[in-house]
Amino acid sequence: MFGETSTTEDVLAGIELAGKRVLITGVSAGLGVETARALSSHGAEVTGAARDLDKARAALKEVGADIDLVELDLASLASVREASDQLLADGRKFDIVIANAGVMATPPMKTADGFEMQFGTNHLGHFAFINRIEPLIKDGGRVVMLASSGHRFSDVNLEDPNFETTDYTPFGAYGRSKTANVLFAVEFDRRHKWRGVRAAAVHPGGIQTELSRYMTAEALDEIRKRMEARQGANGQPFRFKTVPQGAATSVWAAVVADGDEVGGRYCEDCHVATRVTDEEFDAASGGVRPYALDPDNAAALWAKSEEMVGETF
């Protein structure tokens, strides 16, 4: 029914979300702003989390989205704990949590807690935040993790998550963090589906947003050429998605898709992606690598993440 060109409004056509509460991270630009706009315009009560609240207010005002905001810097566990404690003290529950915030292809950088920036922000920050607010997720609720086809660059490395003994590459680190986002959805879904809470990971597609702010023009051009070559092999010209098209899969997985269909899965273009082997992946225009859905890998990552953030969930 929906596909790669579907927009948030296509997905939400005829859907009324009055009475639903949604929490979205990363609502200061791009996909987060559009996701908040789309869901709030259909009646949902949305709370947005962002590191820079002034930037978030300006971006949301521009699209006419009037939502509550909470300050959250995923690169700081102190901020993660303060934000989650604030929400827990408020006590109001959420039907949907969308982990949208993230960074991509940064130079070698560390979080406030000394973690490699992309793994620390994209995975560990969300890992601690979502687990801490888990009591606020209603029975039958949904968690959506923004992953990426970039998971193809690398599996997680639980022996050296901070690149202390292996050579750092911006996209190798990005791949680890995006694989971690998928694996988190797999394990969170396993742990909470007994009460109807389902978790899914989504790839929004190729979109030009602020996520590429650390990349040079040359690096962006190289990525575009790779995408064009991959799509061309399948007889399809490559086109960047618009932001409403990119946010559509998040909205679809959160609101429209059946929980049993998407729970513990990786989704793209408003459908569940197929698994592709290493041999198939280079020629495929989509799909998910098996290591990103491996339940043993997911359980091992969970244990390592608890060790790294110093909390047990």
C-alpha atoms as a PDB file:
ATOM      1  CA  MET A   1       0.000   0.000   0.000  1.00  0.00           C
ATOM      2  CA  PHE A   2       2.914   2.369   0.763  1.00  0.00           C
ATOM      3  CA  GLY A   3       6.421   2.579  -0.680  1.00  0.00           C
ATOM      4  CA  GLU A   4       9.553   4.680  -1.078  1.00  0.00           C
ATOM      5  CA  THR A   5       7.713   7.762  -2.348  1.00  0.00           C
ATOM      6  CA  SER A   6       5.004   7.719   0.330  1.00  0.00           C
ATOM      7  CA  THR A   7       4.930  10.764   2.594  1.00  0.00           C
ATOM      8  CA  THR A   8       3.899  11.215   6.208  1.00  0.00           C
ATOM      9  CA  GLU A   9       0.543  12.556   5.034  1.00  0.00           C
ATOM     10  CA  ASP A  10       0.023   9.542   2.763  1.00  0.00           C
ATOM     11  CA  VAL A  11       0.665   7.198   5.673  1.00  0.00           C
ATOM     12  CA  LEU A  12      -1.539   9.123   8.103  1.00  0.00           C
ATOM     13  CA  ALA A  13      -4.436   9.787   5.719  1.00  0.00           C
ATOM     14  CA  GLY A  14      -7.704   9.328   7.606  1.00  0.00           C
ATOM     15  CA  ILE A  15      -5.976   8.572  10.924  1.00  0.00           C
ATOM     16  CA  GLU A  16      -6.950  10.480  14.060  1.00  0.00           C
ATOM     17  CA  LEU A  17      -4.451  10.389  16.938  1.00  0.00           C
ATOM     18  CA  ALA A  18      -6.331  12.366  19.595  1.00  0.00           C
ATOM     19  CA  GLY A  19      -5.565  10.904  23.004  1.00  0.00           C
ATOM     20  CA  LYS A  20      -2.228   9.463  21.920  1.00  0.00           C
ATOM     21  CA  ARG A  21       1.005  10.702  23.504  1.00  0.00           C
ATOM     22  CA  VAL A  22       4.273  10.565  21.575  1.00  0.00           C
ATOM     23  CA  LEU A  23       7.895  11.223  22.579  1.00  0.00           C
ATOM     24  CA  ILE A  24      10.388  12.054  19.808  1.00  0.00           C
ATOM     25  CA  THR A  25      14.110  12.739  20.210  1.00  0.00           C
ATOM     26  CA  GLY A  26      15.933  15.125  17.896  1.00  0.00           C
ATOM     27  CA  VAL A  27      13.181  17.636  17.092  1.00  0.00           C
ATOM     28  CA  SER A  28      15.408  20.577  16.174  1.00  0.00           C
ATOM     29  CA  ALA A  29      15.786  19.790  12.449  1.00  0.00           C
ATOM     30  CA  GLY A  30      14.940  17.496   9.552  1.00  0.00           C
ATOM     31  CA  LEU A  31      13.135  14.247  10.183  1.00  0.00           C
ATOM     32  CA  GLY A  32      12.431  14.951  13.839  1.00  0.00           C
ATOM     33  CA  VAL A  33      10.636  18.208  13.058  1.00  0.00           C
ATOM     34  CA  GLU A  34       8.578  16.619  10.281  1.00  0.00           C
ATOM     35  CA  THR A  35       7.688  13.606  12.444  1.00  0.00           C
ATOM     36  CA  ALA A  36       6.538  15.914  15.241  1.00  0.00           C
ATOM     37  CA  ARG A  37       4.565  18.083  12.796  1.00  0.00           C
ATOM     38  CA  ALA A  38       2.849  15.139  11.141  1.00  0.00           C
ATOM     39  CA  LEU A  39       1.801  13.377  14.338  1.00  0.00           C
ATOM     40  CA  SER A  40       0.709  16.534  16.161  1.00  0.00           C
ATOM     41  CA  SER A  41      -1.291  17.702  13.132  1.00  0.00           C
ATOM     42  CA  HIS A  42      -3.285  14.466  13.369  1.00  0.00           C
ATOM     43  CA  GLY A  43      -4.146  15.081  17.008  1.00  0.00           C
ATOM     44  CA  ALA A  44      -1.314  13.432  18.959  1.00  0.00           C
ATOM     45  CA  GLU A  45       0.091  15.141  22.037  1.00  0.00           C
ATOM     46  CA  VAL A  46       3.813  15.274  21.256  1.00  0.00           C
ATOM     47  CA  THR A  47       6.773  15.831  23.544  1.00  0.00           C
ATOM     48  CA  GLY A  48      10.034  16.560  21.771  1.00  0.00           C
ATOM     49  CA  ALA A  49      13.539  16.145  23.139  1.00  0.00           C
ATOM     50  CA  ALA A  50      16.447  18.200  21.839  1.00  0.00           C
ATOM     51  CA  ARG A  51      19.899  19.362  22.879  1.00  0.00           C
ATOM     52  CA  ASP A  52      19.311  22.955  21.718  1.00  0.00           C
ATOM     53  CA  LEU A  53      15.830  24.025  22.804  1.00  0.00           C
ATOM     54  CA  ASP A  54      15.984  27.449  21.142  1.00  0.00           C
ATOM     55  CA  LYS A  55      16.818  25.829  17.809  1.00  0.00           C
ATOM     56  CA  ALA A  56      14.022  23.289  18.301  1.00  0.00           C
ATOM     57  CA  ARG A  57      11.461  25.997  19.135  1.00  0.00           C
ATOM     58  CA  ALA A  58      12.375  27.961  16.011  1.00  0.00           C
ATOM     59  CA  ALA A  59      12.232  24.911  13.733  1.00  0.00           C
ATOM     60  CA  LEU A  60       8.918  23.720  15.150  1.00  0.00           C
ATOM     61  CA  LYS A  61       7.384  27.183  14.971  1.00  0.00           C
ATOM     62  CA  GLU A  62       8.288  27.366  11.283  1.00  0.00           C
ATOM     63  CA  VAL A  63       6.168  24.282  10.527  1.00  0.00           C
ATOM     64  CA  GLY A  64       3.382  25.185  12.948  1.00  0.00           C
ATOM     65  CA  ALA A  65       4.016  22.380  15.434  1.00  0.00           C
ATOM     66  CA  ASP A  66       3.150  23.370  19.003  1.00  0.00           C
ATOM     67  CA  ILE A  67       4.644  20.682  21.237  1.00  0.00           C
ATOM     68  CA  ASP A  68       6.180  20.331  24.683  1.00  0.00           C
ATOM     69  CA  LEU A  69       9.976  20.189  24.880  1.00  0.00           C
ATOM     70  CA  VAL A  70      12.536  18.613  27.190  1.00  0.00           C
ATOM     71  CA  GLU A  71      16.268  19.250  27.067  1.00  0.00           C
ATOM     72  CA  LEU A  72      18.268  16.147  26.180  1.00  0.00           C
ATOM     73  CA  ASP A  73      21.901  15.800  25.134  1.00  0.00           C
ATOM     74  CA  LEU A  74      22.402  12.158  24.210  1.00  0.00           C
ATOM     75  CA  ALA A  75      26.184  12.635  24.341  1.00  0.00           C
ATOM     76  CA  SER A  76      25.978  13.146  28.106  1.00  0.00           C
ATOM     77  CA  LEU A  77      24.679  10.514  30.507  1.00  0.00           C
ATOM     78  CA  ALA A  78      24.109  13.249  33.084  1.00  0.00           C
ATOM     79  CA  SER A  79      21.737  14.966  30.631  1.00  0.00           C
ATOM     80  CA  VAL A  80      20.088  11.639  29.787  1.00  0.00           C
ATOM     81  CA  ARG A  81      19.424  10.993  33.461  1.00  0.00           C
ATOM     82  CA  GLU A  82      18.169  14.508  34.125  1.00  0.00           C
ATOM     83  CA  ALA A  83      15.769  14.391  31.165  1.00  0.00           C
ATOM     84  CA  SER A  84      14.468  10.923  32.019  1.00  0.00           C
ATOM     85  CA  ASP A  85      14.047  11.862  35.688  1.00  0.00           C
ATOM     86  CA  GLN A  86      12.046  14.913  34.604  1.00  0.00           C
ATOM     87  CA  LEU A  87       9.702  12.768  32.516  1.00  0.00           C
ATOM     88  CA  LEU A  88       9.369  10.138  35.244  1.00  0.00           C
ATOM     89  CA  ALA A  89       8.514  12.818  37.795  1.00  0.00           C
ATOM     90  CA  ASP A  90       5.826  14.164  35.447  1.00  0.00           C
ATOM     91  CA  GLY A  91       4.443  10.633  35.266  1.00  0.00           C
ATOM     92  CA  ARG A  92       2.352  10.903  32.109  1.00  0.00           C
ATOM     93  CA  LYS A  93       2.650   7.857  29.880  1.00  0.00           C
ATOM     94  CA  PHE A  94       3.482   7.557  26.199  1.00  0.00           C
ATOM     95  CA  ASP A  95       1.951   5.405  23.482  1.00  0.00           C
ATOM     96  CA  ILE A  96       4.905   5.875  21.136  1.00  0.00           C
ATOM     97  CA  VAL A  97       8.613   6.642  21.550  1.00  0.00           C
ATOM     98  CA  ILE A  98      10.602   7.524  18.417  1.00  0.00           C
ATOM     99  CA  ALA A  99      14.395   7.623  18.812  1.00  0.00           C
ATOM    100  CA  ASN A 100      15.136   9.978  15.940  1.00  0.00           C
ATOM    101  CA  ALA A 101      18.193  11.960  17.092  1.00  0.00           C
ATOM    102  CA  GLY A 102      21.696  11.108  15.930  1.00  0.00           C
ATOM    103  CA  VAL A 103      25.013  12.094  14.400  1.00  0.00           C
ATOM    104  CA  MET A 104      26.770  10.730  11.324  1.00  0.00           C
ATOM    105  CA  ALA A 105      30.348  10.345  10.078  1.00  0.00           C
ATOM    106  CA  THR A 106      31.949  12.558  12.689  1.00  0.00           C
ATOM    107  CA  PRO A 107      35.717  13.002  12.978  1.00  0.00           C
ATOM    108  CA  PRO A 108      37.222  11.197  15.992  1.00  0.00           C
ATOM    109  CA  MET A 109      35.347  12.650  18.951  1.00  0.00           C
ATOM    110  CA  LYS A 110      34.319  11.598  22.452  1.00  0.00           C
ATOM    111  CA  THR A 111      31.109  12.099  24.409  1.00  0.00           C
ATOM    112  CA  ALA A 112      31.099  13.747  27.836  1.00  0.00           C
ATOM    113  CA  ASP A 113      31.550  10.266  29.306  1.00  0.00           C
ATOM    114  CA  GLY A 114      34.460   9.293  27.061  1.00  0.00           C
ATOM    115  CA  PHE A 115      32.600   7.095  24.586  1.00  0.00           C
ATOM    116  CA  GLU A 116      33.223   7.214  20.843  1.00  0.00           C
ATOM    117  CA  MET A 117      30.831   9.956  19.742  1.00  0.00           C
ATOM    118  CA  GLN A 118      28.627   8.057  17.279  1.00  0.00           C
ATOM    119  CA  PHE A 119      28.223   4.880  19.348  1.00  0.00           C
ATOM    120  CA  GLY A 120      27.816   6.978  22.499  1.00  0.00           C
ATOM    121  CA  THR A 121      25.204   9.324  21.031  1.00  0.00           C
ATOM    122  CA  ASN A 122      23.273   7.165  18.594  1.00  0.00           C
ATOM    123  CA  HIS A 123      23.209   4.019  20.711  1.00  0.00           C
ATOM    124  CA  LEU A 124      24.279   4.415  24.351  1.00  0.00           C
ATOM    125  CA  GLY A 125      22.420   7.680  24.907  1.00  0.00           C
ATOM    126  CA  HIS A 126      19.191   6.215  23.559  1.00  0.00           C
ATOM    127  CA  PHE A 127      19.847   2.891  25.312  1.00  0.00           C
ATOM    128  CA  ALA A 128      19.976   4.588  28.711  1.00  0.00           C
ATOM    129  CA  PHE A 129      17.206   7.094  27.981  1.00  0.00           C
ATOM    130  CA  ILE A 130      14.617   4.644  26.655  1.00  0.00           C
ATOM    131  CA  ASN A 131      15.322   2.041  29.307  1.00  0.00           C
ATOM    132  CA  ARG A 132      15.037   4.637  32.071  1.00  0.00           C
ATOM    133  CA  ILE A 133      11.630   5.840  30.796  1.00  0.00           C
ATOM    134  CA  GLU A 134      10.393   2.340  29.958  1.00  0.00           C
ATOM    135  CA  PRO A 135       7.848   2.439  32.853  1.00  0.00           C
ATOM    136  CA  LEU A 136       6.188   5.347  31.031  1.00  0.00           C
ATOM    137  CA  ILE A 137       5.545   3.341  27.858  1.00  0.00           C
ATOM    138  CA  LYS A 138       1.956   2.106  27.916  1.00  0.00           C
ATOM    139  CA  ASP A 139       1.063  -1.539  27.480  1.00  0.00           C
ATOM    140  CA  GLY A 140       0.592  -2.034  23.755  1.00  0.00           C
ATOM    141  CA  GLY A 141       2.969   0.856  23.007  1.00  0.00           C
ATOM    142  CA  ARG A 142       5.556   1.172  20.266  1.00  0.00           C
ATOM    143  CA  VAL A 143       9.263   2.078  20.162  1.00  0.00           C
ATOM    144  CA  VAL A 144      10.842   3.089  16.846  1.00  0.00           C
ATOM    145  CA  MET A 145      14.605   3.341  16.439  1.00  0.00           C
ATOM    146  CA  LEU A 146      15.994   5.400  13.549  1.00  0.00           C
ATOM    147  CA  ALA A 147      18.637   3.118  12.091  1.00  0.00           C
ATOM    148  CA  SER A 148      20.109   3.292   8.580  1.00  0.00           C
ATOM    149  CA  SER A 149      21.262   1.279   5.614  1.00  0.00           C
ATOM    150  CA  GLY A 150      24.609   2.497   6.947  1.00  0.00           C
ATOM    151  CA  HIS A 151      24.482  -0.525   9.260  1.00  0.00           C
ATOM    152  CA  ARG A 152      26.011  -2.352   6.282  1.00  0.00           C
ATOM    153  CA  PHE A 153      29.350  -0.639   6.944  1.00  0.00           C
ATOM    154  CA  SER A 154      30.024  -2.567  10.143  1.00  0.00           C
ATOM    155  CA  ASP A 155      28.750  -4.942  12.787  1.00  0.00           C
ATOM    156  CA  VAL A 156      29.204  -3.835  16.393  1.00  0.00           C
ATOM    157  CA  ASN A 157      32.609  -4.501  17.974  1.00  0.00           C
ATOM    158  CA  LEU A 158      32.006  -5.326  21.609  1.00  0.00           C
ATOM    159  CA  GLU A 159      35.702  -5.924  22.252  1.00  0.00           C
ATOM    160  CA  ASP A 160      36.628  -2.375  21.204  1.00  0.00           C
ATOM    161  CA  PRO A 161      33.523  -0.142  21.113  1.00  0.00           C
ATOM    162  CA  ASN A 162      35.560   3.041  21.526  1.00  0.00           C
ATOM    163  CA  PHE A 163      38.169   2.357  18.811  1.00  0.00           C
ATOM    164  CA  GLU A 164      40.981   2.112  21.327  1.00  0.00           C
ATOM    165  CA  THR A 165      42.805  -0.654  19.448  1.00  0.00           C
ATOM    166  CA  THR A 166      41.240  -0.499  15.976  1.00  0.00           C
ATOM    167  CA  ASP A 167      41.619   2.233  13.358  1.00  0.00           C
ATOM    168  CA  TYR A 168      38.831   4.803  13.387  1.00  0.00           C
ATOM    169  CA  THR A 169      36.889   5.532  10.223  1.00  0.00           C
ATOM    170  CA  PRO A 170      33.868   7.879  10.237  1.00  0.00           C
ATOM    171  CA  PHE A 171      31.568   5.480   8.403  1.00  0.00           C
ATOM    172  CA  GLY A 172      32.881   2.409  10.197  1.00  0.00           C
ATOM    173  CA  ALA A 173      31.867   4.063  13.463  1.00  0.00           C
ATOM    174  CA  TYR A 174      28.542   5.150  11.984  1.00  0.00           C
ATOM    175  CA  GLY A 175      27.888   1.587  10.836  1.00  0.00           C
ATOM    176  CA  ARG A 176      28.555   0.225  14.315  1.00  0.00           C
ATOM    177  CA  SER A 177      26.142   2.709  15.884  1.00  0.00           C
ATOM    178  CA  LYS A 178      23.378   2.018  13.359  1.00  0.00           C
ATOM    179  CA  THR A 179      23.758  -1.752  13.725  1.00  0.00           C
ATOM    180  CA  ALA A 180      23.474  -1.141  17.470  1.00  0.00           C
ATOM    181  CA  ASN A 181      20.195   0.733  16.934  1.00  0.00           C
ATOM    182  CA  VAL A 182      18.751  -2.289  15.123  1.00  0.00           C
ATOM    183  CA  LEU A 183      20.028  -4.732  17.729  1.00  0.00           C
ATOM    184  CA  PHE A 184      18.564  -2.607  20.512  1.00  0.00           C
ATOM    185  CA  ALA A 185      15.147  -2.834  18.855  1.00  0.00           C
ATOM    186  CA  VAL A 186      15.539  -6.621  18.587  1.00  0.00           C
ATOM    187  CA  GLU A 187      16.335  -7.079  22.275  1.00  0.00           C
ATOM    188  CA  PHE A 188      13.946  -4.427  23.610  1.00  0.00           C
ATOM    189  CA  ASP A 189      11.160  -6.059  21.633  1.00  0.00           C
ATOM    190  CA  ARG A 190      12.043  -9.486  23.054  1.00  0.00           C
ATOM    191  CA  ARG A 191      12.014  -8.145  26.608  1.00  0.00           C
ATOM    192  CA  HIS A 192       8.759  -6.173  26.421  1.00  0.00           C
ATOM    193  CA  LYS A 193       6.448  -7.829  23.919  1.00  0.00           C
ATOM    194  CA  TRP A 194       4.882  -9.791  26.796  1.00  0.00           C
ATOM    195  CA  ARG A 195       2.947  -6.595  27.602  1.00  0.00           C
ATOM    196  CA  GLY A 196       2.314  -5.648  24.002  1.00  0.00           C
ATOM    197  CA  VAL A 197       5.170  -3.152  23.663  1.00  0.00           C
ATOM    198  CA  ARG A 198       6.856  -3.709  20.300  1.00  0.00           C
ATOM    199  CA  ALA A 199      10.092  -2.183  19.027  1.00  0.00           C
ATOM    200  CA  ALA A 200      11.183  -1.747  15.422  1.00  0.00           C
ATOM    201  CA  ALA A 201      14.150  -0.190  13.611  1.00  0.00           C
ATOM    202  CA  VAL A 202      13.678   1.881  10.470  1.00  0.00           C
ATOM    203  CA  HIS A 203      15.833   3.188   7.631  1.00  0.00           C
ATOM    204  CA  PRO A 204      14.425   6.517   6.426  1.00  0.00           C
ATOM    205  CA  GLY A 205      16.212   6.424   3.075  1.00  0.00           C
ATOM    206  CA  GLY A 206      18.703   8.747   1.419  1.00  0.00           C
ATOM    207  CA  ILE A 207      17.804  12.288   2.506  1.00  0.00           C
ATOM    208  CA  GLN A 208      19.727  15.554   2.573  1.00  0.00           C
ATOM    209  CA  THR A 209      19.451  16.880   6.137  1.00  0.00           C
ATOM    210  CA  GLU A 210      21.710  18.338   8.823  1.00  0.00           C
ATOM    211  CA  LEU A 211      22.847  14.790   9.602  1.00  0.00           C
ATOM    212  CA  SER A 212      25.546  15.226   6.947  1.00  0.00           C
ATOM    213  CA  ARG A 213      26.998  18.367   8.552  1.00  0.00           C
ATOM    214  CA  TYR A 214      30.314  16.688   9.378  1.00  0.00           C
ATOM    215  CA  MET A 215      30.841  15.469   5.817  1.00  0.00           C
ATOM    216  CA  THR A 216      32.790  17.271   3.104  1.00  0.00           C
ATOM    217  CA  ALA A 217      31.224  17.996  -0.273  1.00  0.00           C
ATOM    218  CA  GLU A 218      33.542  15.374  -1.758  1.00  0.00           C
ATOM    219  CA  ALA A 219      32.398  12.715   0.717  1.00  0.00           C
ATOM    220  CA  LEU A 220      28.750  13.524   0.044  1.00  0.00           C
ATOM    221  CA  ASP A 221      29.334  13.262  -3.686  1.00  0.00           C
ATOM    222  CA  GLU A 222      30.994   9.870  -3.229  1.00  0.00           C
ATOM    223  CA  ILE A 223      27.995   8.592  -1.235  1.00  0.00           C
ATOM    224  CA  ARG A 224      25.637   9.853  -3.931  1.00  0.00           C
ATOM    225  CA  LYS A 225      27.635   8.074  -6.637  1.00  0.00           C
ATOM    226  CA  ARG A 226      27.562   4.809  -4.681  1.00  0.00           C
ATOM    227  CA  MET A 227      23.801   5.087  -4.258  1.00  0.00           C
ATOM    228  CA  GLU A 228      23.375   5.832  -7.958  1.00  0.00           C
ATOM    229  CA  ALA A 229      25.489   2.802  -8.886  1.00  0.00           C
ATOM    230  CA  ARG A 230      23.509   0.514  -6.569  1.00  0.00           C
ATOM    231  CA  GLN A 231      20.149   1.748  -7.811  1.00  0.00           C
ATOM    232  CA  GLY A 232      21.344   1.653 -11.408  1.00  0.00           C
ATOM    233  CA  ALA A 233      22.188  -2.025 -11.062  1.00  0.00           C
ATOM    234  CA  ASN A 234      18.502  -2.569 -10.347  1.00  0.00           C
ATOM    235  CA  GLY A 235      17.344  -0.441 -13.260  1.00  0.00           C
ATOM    236  CA  GLN A 236      16.162   2.392 -11.018  1.00  0.00           C
ATOM    237  CA  PRO A 237      17.524   5.949 -11.069  1.00  0.00           C
ATOM    238  CA  PHE A 238      18.634   7.255  -7.669  1.00  0.00           C
ATOM    239  CA  ARG A 239      16.782  10.169  -6.114  1.00  0.00           C
ATOM    240  CA  PHE A 240      17.104  11.626  -2.668  1.00  0.00           C
ATOM    241  CA  LYS A 241      13.893  11.414  -0.670  1.00  0.00           C
ATOM    242  CA  THR A 242      12.152  14.535   0.560  1.00  0.00           C
ATOM    243  CA  VAL A 243      11.967  14.971   4.334  1.00  0.00           C
ATOM    244  CA  PRO A 244       8.239  14.009   4.439  1.00  0.00           C
ATOM    245  CA  GLN A 245       9.099  10.865   2.451  1.00  0.00           C
ATOM    246  CA  GLY A 246      11.975  10.091   4.806  1.00  0.00           C
ATOM    247  CA  ALA A 247       9.847  10.463   7.922  1.00  0.00           C
ATOM    248  CA  ALA A 248       7.078   8.285   6.474  1.00  0.00           C
ATOM    249  CA  THR A 249       8.629   4.971   7.520  1.00  0.00           C
ATOM    250  CA  SER A 250       9.013   6.169  11.127  1.00  0.00           C
ATOM    251  CA  VAL A 251       5.351   7.191  11.208  1.00  0.00           C
ATOM    252  CA  TRP A 252       4.249   3.995   9.468  1.00  0.00           C
ATOM    253  CA  ALA A 253       6.120   1.768  11.926  1.00  0.00           C
ATOM    254  CA  ALA A 254       4.871   3.772  14.906  1.00  0.00           C
ATOM    255  CA  VAL A 255       1.196   4.162  14.002  1.00  0.00           C
ATOM    256  CA  VAL A 256       0.065   2.096  11.032  1.00  0.00           C
ATOM    257  CA  ALA A 257       1.982  -1.187  10.921  1.00  0.00           C
ATOM    258  CA  ASP A 258       0.867  -4.205  12.912  1.00  0.00           C
ATOM    259  CA  GLY A 259       3.083  -4.794  15.944  1.00  0.00           C
ATOM    260  CA  ASP A 260       3.553  -8.459  15.158  1.00  0.00           C
ATOM    261  CA  GLU A 261       4.679  -7.496  11.671  1.00  0.00           C
ATOM    262  CA  VAL A 262       7.366  -4.990  12.664  1.00  0.00           C
ATOM    263  CA  GLY A 263       8.328  -6.079  16.185  1.00  0.00           C
ATOM    264  CA  GLY A 264      12.048  -6.875  16.330  1.00  0.00           C
ATOM    265  CA  ARG A 265      12.416  -6.089  12.609  1.00  0.00           C
ATOM    266  CA  TYR A 266      14.214  -3.599  10.355  1.00  0.00           C
ATOM    267  CA  CYS A 267      11.955  -1.605   8.038  1.00  0.00           C
ATOM    268  CA  GLU A 268      12.472   0.580   4.965  1.00  0.00           C
ATOM    269  CA  ASP A 269      10.148   2.281   2.467  1.00  0.00           C
ATOM    270  CA  CYS A 270       7.152   1.540   4.719  1.00  0.00           C
ATOM    271  CA  HIS A 271       7.625  -2.228   4.738  1.00  0.00           C
ATOM    272  CA  VAL A 272       9.677  -4.858   6.543  1.00  0.00           C
ATOM    273  CA  ALA A 273      13.032  -5.317   4.831  1.00  0.00           C
ATOM    274  CA  THR A 274      14.324  -8.663   3.643  1.00  0.00           C
ATOM    275  CA  ARG A 275      17.528 -10.205   4.973  1.00  0.00           C
ATOM    276  CA  VAL A 276      20.393 -10.190   2.504  1.00  0.00           C
ATOM    277  CA  THR A 277      23.688 -12.056   2.717  1.00  0.00           C
ATOM    278  CA  ASP A 278      27.070 -10.389   2.303  1.00  0.00           C
ATOM    279  CA  GLU A 279      27.196 -11.673  -1.263  1.00  0.00           C
ATOM    280  CA  GLU A 280      23.752 -10.289  -2.077  1.00  0.00           C
ATOM    281  CA  PHE A 281      24.092  -6.982  -0.288  1.00  0.00           C
ATOM    282  CA  ASP A 282      26.419  -5.147  -2.671  1.00  0.00           C
ATOM    283  CA  ALA A 283      23.988  -5.678  -5.536  1.00  0.00           C
ATOM    284  CA  ALA A 284      20.845  -5.048  -3.487  1.00  0.00           C
ATOM    285  CA  SER A 285      19.083  -1.713  -3.354  1.00  0.00           C
ATOM    286  CA  GLY A 286      17.822  -2.453   0.143  1.00  0.00           C
ATOM    287  CA  GLY A 287      17.638  -5.089   2.829  1.00  0.00           C
ATOM    288  CA  VAL A 288      19.204  -5.787   6.200  1.00  0.00           C
ATOM    289  CA  ARG A 289      22.327  -7.747   7.071  1.00  0.00           C
ATOM    290  CA  PRO A 290      21.686 -10.791   9.265  1.00  0.00           C
ATOM    291  CA  TYR A 291      24.126  -9.698  12.001  1.00  0.00           C
ATOM    292  CA  ALA A 292      21.884  -6.707  12.741  1.00  0.00           C
ATOM    293  CA  LEU A 293      18.954  -8.999  13.608  1.00  0.00           C
ATOM    294  CA  ASP A 294      20.886 -11.758  15.381  1.00  0.00           C
ATOM    295  CA  PRO A 295      19.314 -12.305  18.833  1.00  0.00           C
ATOM    296  CA  ASP A 296      22.571 -13.474  20.436  1.00  0.00           C
ATOM    297  CA  ASN A 297      24.334 -10.399  19.093  1.00  0.00           C
ATOM    298  CA  ALA A 298      21.520  -8.247  20.479  1.00  0.00           C
ATOM    299  CA  ALA A 299      21.728  -9.833  23.934  1.00  0.00           C
ATOM    300  CA  ALA A 300      25.515  -9.411  24.027  1.00  0.00           C
ATOM    301  CA  LEU A 301      25.233  -5.752  23.021  1.00  0.00           C
ATOM    302  CA  TRP A 302      22.643  -5.184  25.761  1.00  0.00           C
ATOM    303  CA  ALA A 303      24.970  -6.611  28.410  1.00  0.00           C
ATOM    304  CA  LYS A 304      27.923  -4.564  27.145  1.00  0.00           C
ATOM    305  CA  SER A 305      25.798  -1.416  27.035  1.00  0.00           C
ATOM    306  CA  GLU A 306      24.686  -1.894  30.644  1.00  0.00           C
ATOM    307  CA  GLU A 307      28.337  -2.235  31.618  1.00  0.00           C
ATOM    308  CA  MET A 308      29.276   0.935  29.727  1.00  0.00           C
ATOM    309  CA  VAL A 309      26.485   3.162  31.095  1.00  0.00           C
ATOM    310  CA  GLY A 310      26.744   1.701  34.589  1.00  0.00           C
ATOM    311  CA  GLU A 311      23.083   0.754  34.918  1.00  0.00           C
ATOM    312  CA  THR A 312      21.181  -2.532  34.748  1.00  0.00           C
ATOM    313  CA  PHE A 313      17.783  -2.693  33.080  1.00  0.00           C
END
